[in-house]
Amino acid sequence: MIGNDAIGLGAIAAGSRFMSAYPITPASEIMEYMIANLPK
């Protein structure tokens, strides 16, 4: 995995249920990970 995926997974594991963000390199993959997984 990449570090951004680990950060996203860590946020979900921590109980985070909301992310607000604006796309920007090299942070966008965190947002993309959360878009794919947070609704679950």
Full PDB file with SEQRES, HELIX, SHEET, SSBOND, CRYST1, ORIGX, SCALE, CONECT and MASTER records, all heavy atoms in Angstrom:
SEQRES   1 A   40  MET ILE GLY ASN ASP ALA ILE GLY LEU GLY ALA ILE ALA          
SEQRES   2 A   40  ALA GLY SER ARG PHE MET SER ALA TYR PRO ILE THR PRO          
SEQRES   3 A   40  ALA SER GLU ILE MET GLU TYR MET ILE ALA ASN LEU PRO          
SEQRES   4 A   40  LYS                                                          
HELIX    1 AA1 GLY A    3  ALA A   13  1                                  11    
HELIX    2 AA2 SER A   28  ASN A   37  1                                  10    
CRYST1    1.000    1.000    1.000  90.00  90.00  90.00 P 1           1          
ORIGX1      1.000000  0.000000  0.000000        0.00000                         
ORIGX2      0.000000  1.000000  0.000000        0.00000                         
ORIGX3      0.000000  0.000000  1.000000        0.00000                         
SCALE1      1.000000  0.000000  0.000000        0.00000                         
SCALE2      0.000000  1.000000  0.000000        0.00000                         
SCALE3      0.000000  0.000000  1.000000        0.00000                         
ATOM      1  N   MET A   1       0.824  -1.203   0.000  1.00  0.00           N  
ATOM      2  CA  MET A   1       0.000   0.000   0.000  1.00  0.00           C  
ATOM      3  C   MET A   1       0.865   1.263   0.000  1.00  0.00           C  
ATOM      4  O   MET A   1       2.059   1.219   0.313  1.00  0.00           O  
ATOM      5  CB  MET A   1      -0.923   0.006   1.223  1.00  0.00           C  
ATOM      6  CG  MET A   1      -0.186   0.029   2.546  1.00  0.00           C  
ATOM      7  SD  MET A   1      -1.175  -0.533   3.973  1.00  0.00           S  
ATOM      8  CE  MET A   1      -2.691   0.370   3.783  1.00  0.00           C  
ATOM      9  N   ILE A   2       0.241   2.384  -0.359  1.00  0.00           N  
ATOM     10  CA  ILE A   2       0.902   3.675  -0.248  1.00  0.00           C  
ATOM     11  C   ILE A   2       0.546   4.288   1.102  1.00  0.00           C  
ATOM     12  O   ILE A   2      -0.432   3.905   1.742  1.00  0.00           O  
ATOM     13  CB  ILE A   2       0.518   4.627  -1.400  1.00  0.00           C  
ATOM     14  CG1 ILE A   2      -0.980   4.933  -1.387  1.00  0.00           C  
ATOM     15  CG2 ILE A   2       0.947   4.056  -2.742  1.00  0.00           C  
ATOM     16  CD1 ILE A   2      -1.403   5.984  -2.410  1.00  0.00           C  
ATOM     17  N   GLY A   3       1.341   5.263   1.518  1.00  0.00           N  
ATOM     18  CA  GLY A   3       1.092   5.895   2.809  1.00  0.00           C  
ATOM     19  C   GLY A   3      -0.276   6.540   2.898  1.00  0.00           C  
ATOM     20  O   GLY A   3      -0.917   6.518   3.957  1.00  0.00           O  
ATOM     21  N   ASN A   4      -0.763   7.127   1.809  1.00  0.00           N  
ATOM     22  CA  ASN A   4      -2.076   7.769   1.835  1.00  0.00           C  
ATOM     23  C   ASN A   4      -3.189   6.769   2.109  1.00  0.00           C  
ATOM     24  O   ASN A   4      -4.170   7.096   2.779  1.00  0.00           O  
ATOM     25  CB  ASN A   4      -2.333   8.493   0.503  1.00  0.00           C  
ATOM     26  CG  ASN A   4      -1.636   9.836   0.438  1.00  0.00           C  
ATOM     27  OD1 ASN A   4      -1.151  10.349   1.434  1.00  0.00           O  
ATOM     28  ND2 ASN A   4      -1.577  10.415  -0.757  1.00  0.00           N  
ATOM     29  N   ASP A   5      -3.071   5.543   1.582  1.00  0.00           N  
ATOM     30  CA  ASP A   5      -4.063   4.511   1.881  1.00  0.00           C  
ATOM     31  C   ASP A   5      -4.027   4.147   3.364  1.00  0.00           C  
ATOM     32  O   ASP A   5      -5.073   3.942   3.995  1.00  0.00           O  
ATOM     33  CB  ASP A   5      -3.802   3.256   1.041  1.00  0.00           C  
ATOM     34  CG  ASP A   5      -4.158   3.455  -0.428  1.00  0.00           C  
ATOM     35  OD1 ASP A   5      -4.860   4.434  -0.743  1.00  0.00           O  
ATOM     36  OD2 ASP A   5      -3.728   2.635  -1.258  1.00  0.00           O  
ATOM     37  N   ALA A   6      -2.827   4.057   3.917  1.00  0.00           N  
ATOM     38  CA  ALA A   6      -2.683   3.728   5.339  1.00  0.00           C  
ATOM     39  C   ALA A   6      -3.306   4.818   6.206  1.00  0.00           C  
ATOM     40  O   ALA A   6      -3.939   4.528   7.230  1.00  0.00           O  
ATOM     41  CB  ALA A   6      -1.211   3.541   5.684  1.00  0.00           C  
ATOM     42  N   ILE A   7      -3.130   6.069   5.803  1.00  0.00           N  
ATOM     43  CA  ILE A   7      -3.724   7.192   6.536  1.00  0.00           C  
ATOM     44  C   ILE A   7      -5.244   7.112   6.475  1.00  0.00           C  
ATOM     45  O   ILE A   7      -5.932   7.272   7.495  1.00  0.00           O  
ATOM     46  CB  ILE A   7      -3.221   8.529   5.976  1.00  0.00           C  
ATOM     47  CG1 ILE A   7      -1.735   8.716   6.319  1.00  0.00           C  
ATOM     48  CG2 ILE A   7      -4.043   9.698   6.513  1.00  0.00           C  
ATOM     49  CD1 ILE A   7      -1.068   9.871   5.593  1.00  0.00           C  
ATOM     50  N   GLY A   8      -5.783   6.852   5.288  1.00  0.00           N  
ATOM     51  CA  GLY A   8      -7.231   6.738   5.143  1.00  0.00           C  
ATOM     52  C   GLY A   8      -7.802   5.607   5.970  1.00  0.00           C  
ATOM     53  O   GLY A   8      -8.820   5.763   6.656  1.00  0.00           O  
ATOM     54  N   LEU A   9      -7.151   4.451   5.923  1.00  0.00           N  
ATOM     55  CA  LEU A   9      -7.610   3.308   6.707  1.00  0.00           C  
ATOM     56  C   LEU A   9      -7.503   3.607   8.195  1.00  0.00           C  
ATOM     57  O   LEU A   9      -8.380   3.234   8.983  1.00  0.00           O  
ATOM     58  CB  LEU A   9      -6.794   2.068   6.346  1.00  0.00           C  
ATOM     59  CG  LEU A   9      -7.184   0.756   7.033  1.00  0.00           C  
ATOM     60  CD1 LEU A   9      -8.648   0.417   6.785  1.00  0.00           C  
ATOM     61  CD2 LEU A   9      -6.278  -0.378   6.569  1.00  0.00           C  
ATOM     62  N   GLY A  10      -6.436   4.303   8.589  1.00  0.00           N  
ATOM     63  CA  GLY A  10      -6.282   4.676   9.990  1.00  0.00           C  
ATOM     64  C   GLY A  10      -7.383   5.603  10.464  1.00  0.00           C  
ATOM     65  O   GLY A  10      -7.869   5.481  11.594  1.00  0.00           O  
ATOM     66  N   ALA A  11      -7.799   6.523   9.600  1.00  0.00           N  
ATOM     67  CA  ALA A  11      -8.886   7.439   9.956  1.00  0.00           C  
ATOM     68  C   ALA A  11     -10.197   6.689  10.171  1.00  0.00           C  
ATOM     69  O   ALA A  11     -10.933   6.963  11.125  1.00  0.00           O  
ATOM     70  CB  ALA A  11      -9.049   8.498   8.862  1.00  0.00           C  
ATOM     71  N   ILE A  12     -10.479   5.728   9.287  1.00  0.00           N  
ATOM     72  CA  ILE A  12     -11.703   4.943   9.442  1.00  0.00           C  
ATOM     73  C   ILE A  12     -11.646   4.107  10.717  1.00  0.00           C  
ATOM     74  O   ILE A  12     -12.610   4.026  11.482  1.00  0.00           O  
ATOM     75  CB  ILE A  12     -11.924   4.049   8.206  1.00  0.00           C  
ATOM     76  CG1 ILE A  12     -12.245   4.913   6.981  1.00  0.00           C  
ATOM     77  CG2 ILE A  12     -13.047   3.043   8.456  1.00  0.00           C  
ATOM     78  CD1 ILE A  12     -12.355   4.145   5.682  1.00  0.00           C  
ATOM     79  N   ALA A  13     -10.495   3.483  10.964  1.00  0.00           N  
ATOM     80  CA  ALA A  13     -10.334   2.676  12.172  1.00  0.00           C  
ATOM     81  C   ALA A  13     -10.479   3.521  13.430  1.00  0.00           C  
ATOM     82  O   ALA A  13     -10.934   3.027  14.473  1.00  0.00           O  
ATOM     83  CB  ALA A  13      -8.969   1.985  12.159  1.00  0.00           C  
ATOM     84  N   ALA A  14     -10.110   4.798  13.343  1.00  0.00           N  
ATOM     85  CA  ALA A  14     -10.215   5.700  14.487  1.00  0.00           C  
ATOM     86  C   ALA A  14     -11.650   6.149  14.741  1.00  0.00           C  
ATOM     87  O   ALA A  14     -11.918   6.833  15.733  1.00  0.00           O  
ATOM     88  CB  ALA A  14      -9.329   6.926  14.272  1.00  0.00           C  
ATOM     89  N   GLY A  15     -12.572   5.802  13.853  1.00  0.00           N  
ATOM     90  CA  GLY A  15     -13.955   6.186  14.019  1.00  0.00           C  
ATOM     91  C   GLY A  15     -14.340   7.441  13.276  1.00  0.00           C  
ATOM     92  O   GLY A  15     -15.435   7.973  13.473  1.00  0.00           O  
ATOM     93  N   SER A  16     -13.465   7.941  12.398  1.00  0.00           N  
ATOM     94  CA  SER A  16     -13.825   9.114  11.616  1.00  0.00           C  
ATOM     95  C   SER A  16     -14.924   8.751  10.621  1.00  0.00           C  
ATOM     96  O   SER A  16     -14.838   7.731   9.933  1.00  0.00           O  
ATOM     97  CB  SER A  16     -12.616   9.656  10.860  1.00  0.00           C  
ATOM     98  OG  SER A  16     -12.990  10.751  10.048  1.00  0.00           O  
ATOM     99  N   ARG A  17     -15.927   9.591  10.549  1.00  0.00           N  
ATOM    100  CA  ARG A  17     -17.034   9.355   9.630  1.00  0.00           C  
ATOM    101  C   ARG A  17     -17.304  10.560   8.737  1.00  0.00           C  
ATOM    102  O   ARG A  17     -18.334  10.628   8.073  1.00  0.00           O  
ATOM    103  CB  ARG A  17     -18.304   8.995  10.421  1.00  0.00           C  
ATOM    104  CG  ARG A  17     -18.196   7.667  11.180  1.00  0.00           C  
ATOM    105  CD  ARG A  17     -17.992   6.495  10.234  1.00  0.00           C  
ATOM    106  NE  ARG A  17     -17.854   5.221  10.919  1.00  0.00           N  
ATOM    107  CZ  ARG A  17     -16.697   4.637  11.210  1.00  0.00           C  
ATOM    108  NH1 ARG A  17     -15.551   5.249  10.895  1.00  0.00           N  
ATOM    109  NH2 ARG A  17     -16.652   3.472  11.812  1.00  0.00           N  
ATOM    110  N   PHE A  18     -16.373  11.514   8.718  1.00  0.00           N  
ATOM    111  CA  PHE A  18     -16.553  12.682   7.865  1.00  0.00           C  
ATOM    112  C   PHE A  18     -15.200  13.205   7.424  1.00  0.00           C  
ATOM    113  O   PHE A  18     -14.288  13.368   8.236  1.00  0.00           O  
ATOM    114  CB  PHE A  18     -17.319  13.786   8.594  1.00  0.00           C  
ATOM    115  CG  PHE A  18     -17.539  15.023   7.766  1.00  0.00           C  
ATOM    116  CD1 PHE A  18     -18.552  15.073   6.817  1.00  0.00           C  
ATOM    117  CD2 PHE A  18     -16.720  16.139   7.916  1.00  0.00           C  
ATOM    118  CE1 PHE A  18     -18.739  16.200   6.036  1.00  0.00           C  
ATOM    119  CE2 PHE A  18     -16.912  17.276   7.145  1.00  0.00           C  
ATOM    120  CZ  PHE A  18     -17.917  17.301   6.205  1.00  0.00           C  
ATOM    121  N   MET A  19     -15.086  13.479   6.134  1.00  0.00           N  
ATOM    122  CA  MET A  19     -13.908  14.136   5.595  1.00  0.00           C  
ATOM    123  C   MET A  19     -14.338  15.245   4.652  1.00  0.00           C  
ATOM    124  O   MET A  19     -15.202  15.053   3.787  1.00  0.00           O  
ATOM    125  CB  MET A  19     -13.012  13.155   4.829  1.00  0.00           C  
ATOM    126  CG  MET A  19     -11.767  13.825   4.247  1.00  0.00           C  
ATOM    127  SD  MET A  19     -10.793  12.736   3.186  1.00  0.00           S  
ATOM    128  CE  MET A  19      -9.342  13.779   2.908  1.00  0.00           C  
ATOM    129  N   SER A  20     -13.760  16.416   4.836  1.00  0.00           N  
ATOM    130  CA  SER A  20     -13.966  17.526   3.896  1.00  0.00           C  
ATOM    131  C   SER A  20     -12.600  17.896   3.347  1.00  0.00           C  
ATOM    132  O   SER A  20     -11.641  18.045   4.109  1.00  0.00           O  
ATOM    133  CB  SER A  20     -14.602  18.717   4.612  1.00  0.00           C  
ATOM    134  OG  SER A  20     -13.908  19.013   5.813  1.00  0.00           O  
ATOM    135  N   ALA A  21     -12.505  18.023   2.033  1.00  0.00           N  
ATOM    136  CA  ALA A  21     -11.195  18.270   1.440  1.00  0.00           C  
ATOM    137  C   ALA A  21     -11.343  18.825   0.034  1.00  0.00           C  
ATOM    138  O   ALA A  21     -12.400  18.730  -0.593  1.00  0.00           O  
ATOM    139  CB  ALA A  21     -10.368  16.990   1.409  1.00  0.00           C  
ATOM    140  N   TYR A  22     -10.247  19.400  -0.431  1.00  0.00           N  
ATOM    141  CA  TYR A  22     -10.137  19.883  -1.803  1.00  0.00           C  
ATOM    142  C   TYR A  22      -8.957  19.145  -2.438  1.00  0.00           C  
ATOM    143  O   TYR A  22      -7.898  19.033  -1.814  1.00  0.00           O  
ATOM    144  CB  TYR A  22      -9.894  21.396  -1.814  1.00  0.00           C  
ATOM    145  CG  TYR A  22      -9.893  22.000  -3.194  1.00  0.00           C  
ATOM    146  CD1 TYR A  22     -11.086  22.337  -3.825  1.00  0.00           C  
ATOM    147  CD2 TYR A  22      -8.696  22.239  -3.873  1.00  0.00           C  
ATOM    148  CE1 TYR A  22     -11.090  22.904  -5.096  1.00  0.00           C  
ATOM    149  CE2 TYR A  22      -8.698  22.801  -5.137  1.00  0.00           C  
ATOM    150  CZ  TYR A  22      -9.893  23.124  -5.748  1.00  0.00           C  
ATOM    151  OH  TYR A  22      -9.903  23.673  -6.991  1.00  0.00           O  
ATOM    152  N   PRO A  23      -9.102  18.618  -3.657  1.00  0.00           N  
ATOM    153  CA  PRO A  23      -8.026  17.807  -4.250  1.00  0.00           C  
ATOM    154  C   PRO A  23      -6.726  18.584  -4.421  1.00  0.00           C  
ATOM    155  O   PRO A  23      -6.737  19.741  -4.855  1.00  0.00           O  
ATOM    156  CB  PRO A  23      -8.602  17.409  -5.618  1.00  0.00           C  
ATOM    157  CG  PRO A  23     -10.083  17.572  -5.485  1.00  0.00           C  
ATOM    158  CD  PRO A  23     -10.281  18.703  -4.530  1.00  0.00           C  
ATOM    159  N   ILE A  24      -5.617  17.949  -4.071  1.00  0.00           N  
ATOM    160  CA  ILE A  24      -4.306  18.557  -4.246  1.00  0.00           C  
ATOM    161  C   ILE A  24      -3.241  17.461  -4.149  1.00  0.00           C  
ATOM    162  O   ILE A  24      -3.343  16.555  -3.328  1.00  0.00           O  
ATOM    163  CB  ILE A  24      -4.044  19.663  -3.197  1.00  0.00           C  
ATOM    164  CG1 ILE A  24      -2.714  20.383  -3.466  1.00  0.00           C  
ATOM    165  CG2 ILE A  24      -4.089  19.101  -1.785  1.00  0.00           C  
ATOM    166  CD1 ILE A  24      -2.496  21.619  -2.597  1.00  0.00           C  
ATOM    167  N   THR A  25      -2.244  17.544  -5.011  1.00  0.00           N  
ATOM    168  CA  THR A  25      -1.118  16.602  -4.965  1.00  0.00           C  
ATOM    169  C   THR A  25      -0.209  16.983  -3.805  1.00  0.00           C  
ATOM    170  O   THR A  25       0.075  18.154  -3.605  1.00  0.00           O  
ATOM    171  CB  THR A  25      -0.323  16.686  -6.288  1.00  0.00           C  
ATOM    172  OG1 THR A  25      -1.204  16.375  -7.369  1.00  0.00           O  
ATOM    173  CG2 THR A  25       0.849  15.730  -6.296  1.00  0.00           C  
ATOM    174  N   PRO A  26       0.274  16.010  -3.009  1.00  0.00           N  
ATOM    175  CA  PRO A  26       0.068  14.558  -3.108  1.00  0.00           C  
ATOM    176  C   PRO A  26      -0.906  14.011  -2.068  1.00  0.00           C  
ATOM    177  O   PRO A  26      -0.710  12.915  -1.546  1.00  0.00           O  
ATOM    178  CB  PRO A  26       1.480  14.037  -2.844  1.00  0.00           C  
ATOM    179  CG  PRO A  26       2.034  15.012  -1.845  1.00  0.00           C  
ATOM    180  CD  PRO A  26       1.399  16.341  -2.142  1.00  0.00           C  
ATOM    181  N   ALA A  27      -1.969  14.782  -1.746  1.00  0.00           N  
ATOM    182  CA  ALA A  27      -2.935  14.359  -0.726  1.00  0.00           C  
ATOM    183  C   ALA A  27      -4.192  13.746  -1.313  1.00  0.00           C  
ATOM    184  O   ALA A  27      -4.983  13.138  -0.580  1.00  0.00           O  
ATOM    185  CB  ALA A  27      -3.321  15.548   0.151  1.00  0.00           C  
ATOM    186  N   SER A  28      -4.404  13.882  -2.610  1.00  0.00           N  
ATOM    187  CA  SER A  28      -5.694  13.515  -3.201  1.00  0.00           C  
ATOM    188  C   SER A  28      -6.068  12.054  -2.985  1.00  0.00           C  
ATOM    189  O   SER A  28      -7.257  11.713  -2.868  1.00  0.00           O  
ATOM    190  CB  SER A  28      -5.685  13.822  -4.707  1.00  0.00           C  
ATOM    191  OG  SER A  28      -5.550  15.209  -4.931  1.00  0.00           O  
ATOM    192  N   GLU A  29      -5.054  11.184  -2.917  1.00  0.00           N  
ATOM    193  CA  GLU A  29      -5.357   9.754  -2.758  1.00  0.00           C  
ATOM    194  C   GLU A  29      -6.036   9.451  -1.430  1.00  0.00           C  
ATOM    195  O   GLU A  29      -6.772   8.467  -1.314  1.00  0.00           O  
ATOM    196  CB  GLU A  29      -4.075   8.919  -2.886  1.00  0.00           C  
ATOM    197  CG  GLU A  29      -3.527   8.828  -4.300  1.00  0.00           C  
ATOM    198  CD  GLU A  29      -2.801  10.102  -4.695  1.00  0.00           C  
ATOM    199  OE1 GLU A  29      -2.541  10.944  -3.812  1.00  0.00           O  
ATOM    200  OE2 GLU A  29      -2.507  10.256  -5.895  1.00  0.00           O  
ATOM    201  N   ILE A  30      -5.801  10.277  -0.410  1.00  0.00           N  
ATOM    202  CA  ILE A  30      -6.513  10.087   0.857  1.00  0.00           C  
ATOM    203  C   ILE A  30      -7.995  10.318   0.640  1.00  0.00           C  
ATOM    204  O   ILE A  30      -8.842   9.520   1.070  1.00  0.00           O  
ATOM    205  CB  ILE A  30      -5.974  11.037   1.940  1.00  0.00           C  
ATOM    206  CG1 ILE A  30      -4.479  10.801   2.176  1.00  0.00           C  
ATOM    207  CG2 ILE A  30      -6.755  10.863   3.245  1.00  0.00           C  
ATOM    208  CD1 ILE A  30      -3.838  11.804   3.107  1.00  0.00           C  
ATOM    209  N   MET A  31      -8.307  11.398  -0.032  1.00  0.00           N  
ATOM    210  CA  MET A  31      -9.702  11.721  -0.328  1.00  0.00           C  
ATOM    211  C   MET A  31     -10.339  10.640  -1.198  1.00  0.00           C  
ATOM    212  O   MET A  31     -11.484  10.207  -0.958  1.00  0.00           O  
ATOM    213  CB  MET A  31      -9.770  13.080  -1.017  1.00  0.00           C  
ATOM    214  CG  MET A  31     -11.168  13.618  -1.238  1.00  0.00           C  
ATOM    215  SD  MET A  31     -11.098  15.238  -2.042  1.00  0.00           S  
ATOM    216  CE  MET A  31     -12.833  15.638  -2.108  1.00  0.00           C  
ATOM    217  N   GLU A  32      -9.586  10.174  -2.205  1.00  0.00           N  
ATOM    218  CA  GLU A  32     -10.115   9.133  -3.086  1.00  0.00           C  
ATOM    219  C   GLU A  32     -10.366   7.829  -2.324  1.00  0.00           C  
ATOM    220  O   GLU A  32     -11.368   7.137  -2.557  1.00  0.00           O  
ATOM    221  CB  GLU A  32      -9.136   8.894  -4.239  1.00  0.00           C  
ATOM    222  CG  GLU A  32      -9.057  10.074  -5.201  1.00  0.00           C  
ATOM    223  CD  GLU A  32      -7.878   9.981  -6.153  1.00  0.00           C  
ATOM    224  OE1 GLU A  32      -7.160   8.955  -6.119  1.00  0.00           O  
ATOM    225  OE2 GLU A  32      -7.657  10.931  -6.927  1.00  0.00           O  
ATOM    226  N   TYR A  33      -9.458   7.505  -1.399  1.00  0.00           N  
ATOM    227  CA  TYR A  33      -9.634   6.306  -0.578  1.00  0.00           C  
ATOM    228  C   TYR A  33     -10.890   6.437   0.281  1.00  0.00           C  
ATOM    229  O   TYR A  33     -11.673   5.482   0.405  1.00  0.00           O  
ATOM    230  CB  TYR A  33      -8.405   6.101   0.307  1.00  0.00           C  
ATOM    231  CG  TYR A  33      -8.469   4.855   1.159  1.00  0.00           C  
ATOM    232  CD1 TYR A  33      -7.929   3.654   0.710  1.00  0.00           C  
ATOM    233  CD2 TYR A  33      -9.073   4.872   2.408  1.00  0.00           C  
ATOM    234  CE1 TYR A  33      -7.998   2.505   1.480  1.00  0.00           C  
ATOM    235  CE2 TYR A  33      -9.153   3.726   3.195  1.00  0.00           C  
ATOM    236  CZ  TYR A  33      -8.599   2.545   2.719  1.00  0.00           C  
ATOM    237  OH  TYR A  33      -8.690   1.409   3.480  1.00  0.00           O  
ATOM    238  N   MET A  34     -11.079   7.614   0.871  1.00  0.00           N  
ATOM    239  CA  MET A  34     -12.241   7.813   1.734  1.00  0.00           C  
ATOM    240  C   MET A  34     -13.541   7.821   0.933  1.00  0.00           C  
ATOM    241  O   MET A  34     -14.570   7.309   1.400  1.00  0.00           O  
ATOM    242  CB  MET A  34     -12.092   9.120   2.512  1.00  0.00           C  
ATOM    243  CG  MET A  34     -10.864   9.184   3.409  1.00  0.00           C  
ATOM    244  SD  MET A  34     -10.761   7.869   4.636  1.00  0.00           S  
ATOM    245  CE  MET A  34     -11.882   8.487   5.878  1.00  0.00           C  
ATOM    246  N   ILE A  35     -13.522   8.372  -0.285  1.00  0.00           N  
ATOM    247  CA  ILE A  35     -14.716   8.349  -1.135  1.00  0.00           C  
ATOM    248  C   ILE A  35     -15.125   6.913  -1.437  1.00  0.00           C  
ATOM    249  O   ILE A  35     -16.313   6.569  -1.441  1.00  0.00           O  
ATOM    250  CB  ILE A  35     -14.466   9.133  -2.444  1.00  0.00           C  
ATOM    251  CG1 ILE A  35     -14.393  10.642  -2.153  1.00  0.00           C  
ATOM    252  CG2 ILE A  35     -15.541   8.844  -3.488  1.00  0.00           C  
ATOM    253  CD1 ILE A  35     -13.929  11.474  -3.338  1.00  0.00           C  
ATOM    254  N   ALA A  36     -14.135   6.054  -1.656  1.00  0.00           N  
ATOM    255  CA  ALA A  36     -14.422   4.661  -1.979  1.00  0.00           C  
ATOM    256  C   ALA A  36     -14.844   3.850  -0.763  1.00  0.00           C  
ATOM    257  O   ALA A  36     -15.616   2.884  -0.901  1.00  0.00           O  
ATOM    258  CB  ALA A  36     -13.187   4.017  -2.618  1.00  0.00           C  
ATOM    259  N   ASN A  37     -14.377   4.235   0.423  1.00  0.00           N  
ATOM    260  CA  ASN A  37     -14.569   3.362   1.579  1.00  0.00           C  
ATOM    261  C   ASN A  37     -15.408   3.934   2.720  1.00  0.00           C  
ATOM    262  O   ASN A  37     -16.016   3.172   3.468  1.00  0.00           O  
ATOM    263  CB  ASN A  37     -13.201   2.952   2.135  1.00  0.00           C  
ATOM    264  CG  ASN A  37     -12.444   2.052   1.177  1.00  0.00           C  
ATOM    265  OD1 ASN A  37     -12.767   0.886   1.008  1.00  0.00           O  
ATOM    266  ND2 ASN A  37     -11.421   2.613   0.530  1.00  0.00           N  
ATOM    267  N   LEU A  38     -15.431   5.258   2.879  1.00  0.00           N  
ATOM    268  CA  LEU A  38     -16.161   5.826   4.008  1.00  0.00           C  
ATOM    269  C   LEU A  38     -17.665   5.547   3.956  1.00  0.00           C  
ATOM    270  O   LEU A  38     -18.281   5.277   5.004  1.00  0.00           O  
ATOM    271  CB  LEU A  38     -15.891   7.325   4.111  1.00  0.00           C  
ATOM    272  CG  LEU A  38     -16.137   7.985   5.470  1.00  0.00           C  
ATOM    273  CD1 LEU A  38     -15.396   7.267   6.578  1.00  0.00           C  
ATOM    274  CD2 LEU A  38     -15.753   9.460   5.442  1.00  0.00           C  
ATOM    275  N   PRO A  39     -18.312   5.568   2.770  1.00  0.00           N  
ATOM    276  CA  PRO A  39     -19.745   5.238   2.739  1.00  0.00           C  
ATOM    277  C   PRO A  39     -20.057   3.823   3.232  1.00  0.00           C  
ATOM    278  O   PRO A  39     -21.181   3.552   3.679  1.00  0.00           O  
ATOM    279  CB  PRO A  39     -20.102   5.396   1.250  1.00  0.00           C  
ATOM    280  CG  PRO A  39     -19.099   6.378   0.729  1.00  0.00           C  
ATOM    281  CD  PRO A  39     -17.836   6.055   1.457  1.00  0.00           C  
ATOM    282  N   LYS A  40     -19.075   2.922   3.183  1.00  0.00           N  
ATOM    283  CA  LYS A  40     -19.290   1.549   3.654  1.00  0.00           C  
ATOM    284  C   LYS A  40     -19.550   1.497   5.159  1.00  0.00           C  
ATOM    285  O   LYS A  40     -20.114   0.523   5.663  1.00  0.00           O  
ATOM    286  CB  LYS A  40     -18.075   0.676   3.319  1.00  0.00           C  
ATOM    287  CG  LYS A  40     -17.789   0.546   1.833  1.00  0.00           C  
ATOM    288  CD  LYS A  40     -16.503  -0.240   1.578  1.00  0.00           C  
ATOM    289  CE  LYS A  40     -16.150  -0.293   0.110  1.00  0.00           C  
ATOM    290  NZ  LYS A  40     -14.857  -1.000  -0.136  1.00  0.00           N  
TER     291      LYS A  40                                                      
MASTER        0    0    0    2    0    0    0    6  290    1    0    4          
END                                                                             
